[in-house]
Amino acid sequence: MKLSIDALCQKGLVRENNEDALAVGGLFLRDDATSLNVETSPDGFFYLLVSDGMGGHENGEEASEFALAEIKEQFALHQIQPESFEDDIRQAVHYISFKLNRAAADRGQVHPMGCTLTGVVWHYGKIWLINAGDSRSYRFRGGMLRQLTTDETERGITGNPEASKYLLNCLGGGCDGRLNVEDMDGKLIEGDILLICSDGLCDMVPDEQIEAALASGADAAELYRMACEGGGVDNTSIIIAKIL
């Protein structure tokens, strides 16, 4: 499968540091952007992942970087096998969650560091969608945007939308790191566009506006500009991958 990829990870207009991170294959991005074309191989692996360090928690920046680095190592060492992908990737994420929780405990952190994880993995001829938390993966096809993942959050009753959103699942953060895995074979075709992002985009820009922007050919920089115009209150990671 041939992909044209445009990606960026920026801190936004309000936050002092960037707890987001993203991975385009083995390339790690934070406070940076990239554009490239790739072709996935039936004899190897490639992935597009976004991880959002938990806002308001200590060392969220470290958590997202550790998660993506550990995933990279697990793939590179072939500890995630084609015949047992679902079990292996879930075990890898459970291990990441355990390590983050133990590091927080060793440091005496009041709030354990944690992060979300979402994206698409091409692995030896199969395609997988993975998700934990409230970062999102979408598919844009025929002018329509469809959210592929489910936000693992609940809303409180306070008047502040950001303060009243509670994350129910993540890596670290005192959680076990429950990973949702879905087989995407046959669900992606030529002409589709994948959008993988942190809530710094989707909390700032309604889906219908993202849909219209993608229909007009918007790139990651344009979506980030829209997020900033919407307030830019959070770190923002965006991956746009066109299937050629």
Protein backbone atom coordinates (compact mmCIF):
# COMPACT_ATOMS: atom_id res chain seq x y z
CA MET A 1 0.00 0.00 0.00
CA LYS A 2 1.38 3.40 -1.03
CA LEU A 3 0.95 6.29 1.40
CA SER A 4 1.50 10.04 1.13
CA ILE A 5 2.02 11.26 4.69
CA ASP A 6 1.91 14.73 6.18
CA ALA A 7 2.44 15.04 9.95
CA LEU A 8 3.13 17.59 12.67
CA CYS A 9 3.31 17.80 16.45
CA GLN A 10 3.15 21.26 18.08
CA LYS A 11 2.52 22.58 21.57
CA GLY A 12 -0.35 24.95 20.67
CA LEU A 13 -0.86 28.48 21.92
CA VAL A 14 -1.32 28.02 25.67
CA ARG A 15 0.71 25.11 27.07
CA GLU A 16 4.30 25.78 28.13
CA ASN A 17 5.56 22.38 26.98
CA ASN A 18 4.52 19.68 24.53
CA GLU A 19 3.41 16.37 26.05
CA ASP A 20 2.25 15.03 22.67
CA ALA A 21 4.39 12.85 20.43
CA LEU A 22 3.87 10.95 17.22
CA ALA A 23 5.65 8.27 15.24
CA VAL A 24 5.80 7.82 11.48
CA GLY A 25 7.42 4.42 11.27
CA GLY A 26 10.62 4.74 13.27
CA LEU A 27 10.62 8.54 13.00
CA PHE A 28 9.73 10.25 16.30
CA LEU A 29 8.26 13.75 16.15
CA ARG A 30 7.70 16.42 18.79
CA ASP A 31 7.72 20.17 18.02
CA ASP A 32 8.40 19.21 14.43
CA ALA A 33 6.77 18.25 11.12
CA THR A 34 7.45 15.95 8.18
CA SER A 35 6.07 14.95 4.78
CA LEU A 36 7.03 11.77 2.97
CA ASN A 37 5.85 9.00 0.68
CA VAL A 38 6.18 5.35 1.69
CA GLU A 39 5.11 1.96 0.44
CA THR A 40 4.25 -0.66 3.03
CA SER A 41 5.69 -4.13 2.54
CA PRO A 42 4.01 -7.53 3.02
CA ASP A 43 7.32 -8.68 4.49
CA GLY A 44 7.71 -5.98 7.12
CA PHE A 45 5.97 -3.39 9.23
CA PHE A 46 5.11 0.30 9.30
CA TYR A 47 3.00 2.36 11.66
CA LEU A 48 1.41 5.75 12.22
CA LEU A 49 0.87 6.47 15.92
CA VAL A 50 -0.10 9.42 18.11
CA SER A 51 0.45 9.53 21.88
CA ASP A 52 -0.84 12.32 24.12
CA GLY A 53 0.80 12.70 27.53
CA MET A 54 -1.85 13.04 30.21
CA GLY A 55 -2.66 16.71 30.80
CA GLY A 56 -2.36 17.76 34.43
CA HIS A 57 -0.23 14.72 35.29
CA GLU A 58 3.47 14.77 36.06
CA ASN A 59 5.87 13.81 33.27
CA GLY A 60 3.27 13.34 30.53
CA GLU A 61 5.97 14.32 28.07
CA GLU A 62 8.15 11.47 29.27
CA ALA A 63 5.25 9.01 29.15
CA SER A 64 4.37 9.61 25.48
CA GLU A 65 8.02 9.43 24.41
CA PHE A 66 8.61 6.23 26.37
CA ALA A 67 5.49 4.59 24.92
CA LEU A 68 6.48 5.27 21.31
CA ALA A 69 10.11 4.28 21.92
CA GLU A 70 9.05 0.99 23.50
CA ILE A 71 6.64 0.21 20.66
CA LYS A 72 9.46 0.89 18.19
CA GLU A 73 11.78 -1.48 20.05
CA GLN A 74 9.16 -4.23 20.27
CA PHE A 75 8.65 -4.10 16.50
CA ALA A 76 12.37 -3.87 15.74
CA LEU A 77 13.13 -6.90 17.92
CA HIS A 78 10.27 -8.84 16.29
CA GLN A 79 8.64 -9.40 19.65
CA ILE A 80 5.29 -8.74 17.94
CA GLN A 81 4.66 -11.68 15.61
CA PRO A 82 2.21 -11.84 12.68
CA GLU A 83 0.48 -14.97 13.92
CA SER A 84 -0.07 -13.52 17.40
CA PHE A 85 -0.25 -9.79 16.65
CA GLU A 86 -3.27 -9.00 18.85
CA ASP A 87 -1.93 -10.79 21.91
CA ASP A 88 1.62 -9.49 21.42
CA ILE A 89 0.68 -5.84 20.92
CA ARG A 90 -1.66 -5.95 23.93
CA GLN A 91 1.11 -7.48 26.03
CA ALA A 92 3.54 -4.79 24.85
CA VAL A 93 1.13 -2.02 25.86
CA HIS A 94 0.41 -3.70 29.20
CA TYR A 95 4.18 -3.76 29.85
CA ILE A 96 4.48 -0.06 28.94
CA SER A 97 1.67 0.76 31.35
CA PHE A 98 3.33 -1.28 34.11
CA LYS A 99 6.68 0.46 33.58
CA LEU A 100 5.11 3.92 33.66
CA ASN A 101 3.15 3.16 36.83
CA ARG A 102 6.20 1.66 38.55
CA ALA A 103 8.40 4.64 37.61
CA ALA A 104 5.80 7.01 39.05
CA ALA A 105 5.59 4.98 42.26
CA ASP A 106 9.38 4.89 42.62
CA ARG A 107 9.45 8.67 42.33
CA GLY A 108 6.58 9.15 44.74
CA GLN A 109 4.48 10.98 42.17
CA VAL A 110 1.05 11.94 43.40
CA HIS A 111 -0.40 11.49 39.90
CA PRO A 112 1.11 8.63 37.86
CA MET A 113 2.30 9.72 34.44
CA GLY A 114 0.37 8.33 31.49
CA CYS A 115 -0.51 8.75 27.84
CA THR A 116 -2.95 7.77 25.14
CA LEU A 117 -2.07 5.72 22.07
CA THR A 118 -3.87 5.48 18.73
CA GLY A 119 -3.06 4.73 15.12
CA VAL A 120 -2.73 2.23 12.30
CA VAL A 121 -0.15 -0.54 11.92
CA TRP A 122 0.77 -2.35 8.70
CA HIS A 123 2.27 -5.66 9.80
CA TYR A 124 3.37 -8.41 7.41
CA GLY A 125 0.48 -8.02 5.00
CA LYS A 126 -2.24 -7.12 7.51
CA ILE A 127 -3.57 -3.78 8.72
CA TRP A 128 -4.53 -3.10 12.33
CA LEU A 129 -6.18 -0.22 14.17
CA ILE A 130 -5.08 0.23 17.79
CA ASN A 131 -6.38 2.59 20.46
CA ALA A 132 -6.24 3.37 24.16
CA GLY A 133 -7.70 6.62 25.47
CA ASP A 134 -9.23 9.58 23.67
CA SER A 135 -6.83 10.40 20.85
CA ARG A 136 -8.60 9.62 17.58
CA SER A 137 -8.18 7.78 14.29
CA TYR A 138 -10.50 8.73 11.41
CA ARG A 139 -11.10 7.61 7.84
CA PHE A 140 -12.11 10.16 5.19
CA ARG A 141 -13.79 8.67 2.13
CA GLY A 142 -16.10 10.13 -0.50
CA GLY A 143 -16.30 13.47 1.25
CA MET A 144 -17.34 11.91 4.58
CA LEU A 145 -15.28 11.72 7.77
CA ARG A 146 -15.79 8.68 10.00
CA GLN A 147 -14.27 8.23 13.45
CA LEU A 148 -12.79 4.72 13.64
CA THR A 149 -11.94 4.77 17.34
CA THR A 150 -14.13 5.28 20.41
CA ASP A 151 -13.24 7.93 22.99
CA GLU A 152 -12.64 6.22 26.32
CA THR A 153 -13.85 9.12 28.44
CA GLU A 154 -16.78 10.23 30.52
CA ARG A 155 -18.08 13.70 31.16
CA GLY A 156 -18.62 15.32 34.54
CA ILE A 157 -21.14 17.98 35.43
CA THR A 158 -18.88 21.00 35.73
CA GLY A 159 -19.17 23.90 33.32
CA ASN A 160 -15.59 23.61 32.07
CA PRO A 161 -15.51 21.04 29.21
CA GLU A 162 -11.79 20.32 29.61
CA ALA A 163 -11.98 19.93 33.38
CA SER A 164 -15.04 17.69 33.18
CA LYS A 165 -13.59 15.12 30.75
CA TYR A 166 -12.28 12.06 32.56
CA LEU A 167 -10.03 9.56 30.83
CA LEU A 168 -11.15 5.97 31.51
CA ASN A 169 -8.24 4.16 29.89
CA CYS A 170 -4.62 4.98 29.05
CA LEU A 171 -1.07 3.69 29.28
CA GLY A 172 0.22 4.32 32.79
CA GLY A 173 -1.81 6.82 34.79
CA GLY A 174 -2.66 4.10 37.28
CA CYS A 175 -4.35 2.03 34.53
CA ASP A 176 -3.55 -1.49 33.30
CA GLY A 177 -3.22 -0.23 29.72
CA ARG A 178 -6.12 -1.96 27.97
CA LEU A 179 -5.54 -1.82 24.21
CA ASN A 180 -8.36 -2.02 21.68
CA VAL A 181 -7.26 -3.80 18.48
CA GLU A 182 -9.29 -4.04 15.26
CA ASP A 183 -8.51 -5.89 12.02
CA MET A 184 -8.67 -3.31 9.20
CA ASP A 185 -8.09 -5.66 6.26
CA GLY A 186 -10.43 -4.72 3.43
CA LYS A 187 -11.55 -1.55 5.21
CA LEU A 188 -9.03 0.81 3.59
CA ILE A 189 -8.94 1.41 -0.16
CA GLU A 190 -7.19 3.64 -2.68
CA GLY A 191 -8.34 7.24 -2.26
CA ASP A 192 -9.03 6.95 1.46
CA ILE A 193 -7.39 9.42 3.83
CA LEU A 194 -6.43 8.47 7.38
CA LEU A 195 -6.44 11.20 10.00
CA ILE A 196 -4.78 10.35 13.31
CA CYS A 197 -4.75 13.09 15.92
CA SER A 198 -4.68 14.09 19.56
CA ASP A 199 -7.59 15.90 21.17
CA GLY A 200 -5.74 19.16 20.62
CA LEU A 201 -7.33 19.06 17.17
CA CYS A 202 -10.72 17.41 17.69
CA ASP A 203 -11.55 19.35 20.88
CA MET A 204 -10.84 22.63 19.08
CA VAL A 205 -12.36 21.89 15.65
CA PRO A 206 -15.74 20.16 15.12
CA ASP A 207 -15.72 17.05 12.94
CA GLU A 208 -17.82 18.73 10.26
CA GLN A 209 -15.22 21.48 9.87
CA ILE A 210 -12.40 18.92 9.70
CA GLU A 211 -14.43 17.04 7.08
CA ALA A 212 -14.88 20.16 4.97
CA ALA A 213 -11.20 21.03 5.28
CA LEU A 214 -10.10 17.56 4.13
CA ALA A 215 -12.58 17.74 1.25
CA SER A 216 -10.83 20.92 0.09
CA GLY A 217 -7.39 19.31 0.33
CA ALA A 218 -6.19 20.67 3.70
CA ASP A 219 -2.82 19.50 4.96
CA ALA A 220 -1.68 19.04 8.58
CA ALA A 221 -0.52 22.66 8.84
CA GLU A 222 -3.96 23.91 7.79
CA LEU A 223 -5.71 21.72 10.37
CA TYR A 224 -3.29 22.96 13.02
CA ARG A 225 -4.07 26.56 12.04
CA MET A 226 -7.77 25.76 12.52
CA ALA A 227 -7.04 24.30 15.96
CA CYS A 228 -5.19 27.47 16.94
CA GLU A 229 -8.05 29.62 15.68
CA GLY A 230 -10.34 27.48 17.84
CA GLY A 231 -8.30 28.38 20.91
CA GLY A 232 -5.13 26.27 20.62
CA VAL A 233 -5.37 25.42 24.31
CA ASP A 234 -3.77 21.97 24.04
CA ASN A 235 -0.82 20.29 22.37
CA THR A 236 -1.74 19.14 18.89
CA SER A 237 -0.58 16.12 16.89
CA ILE A 238 -1.88 15.46 13.38
CA ILE A 239 -1.08 12.74 10.86
CA ILE A 240 -2.76 12.80 7.44
CA ALA A 241 -2.05 9.71 5.32
CA LYS A 242 -3.47 9.49 1.80
CA ILE A 243 -3.73 6.00 0.32
CA LEU A 244 -2.49 6.20 -3.27
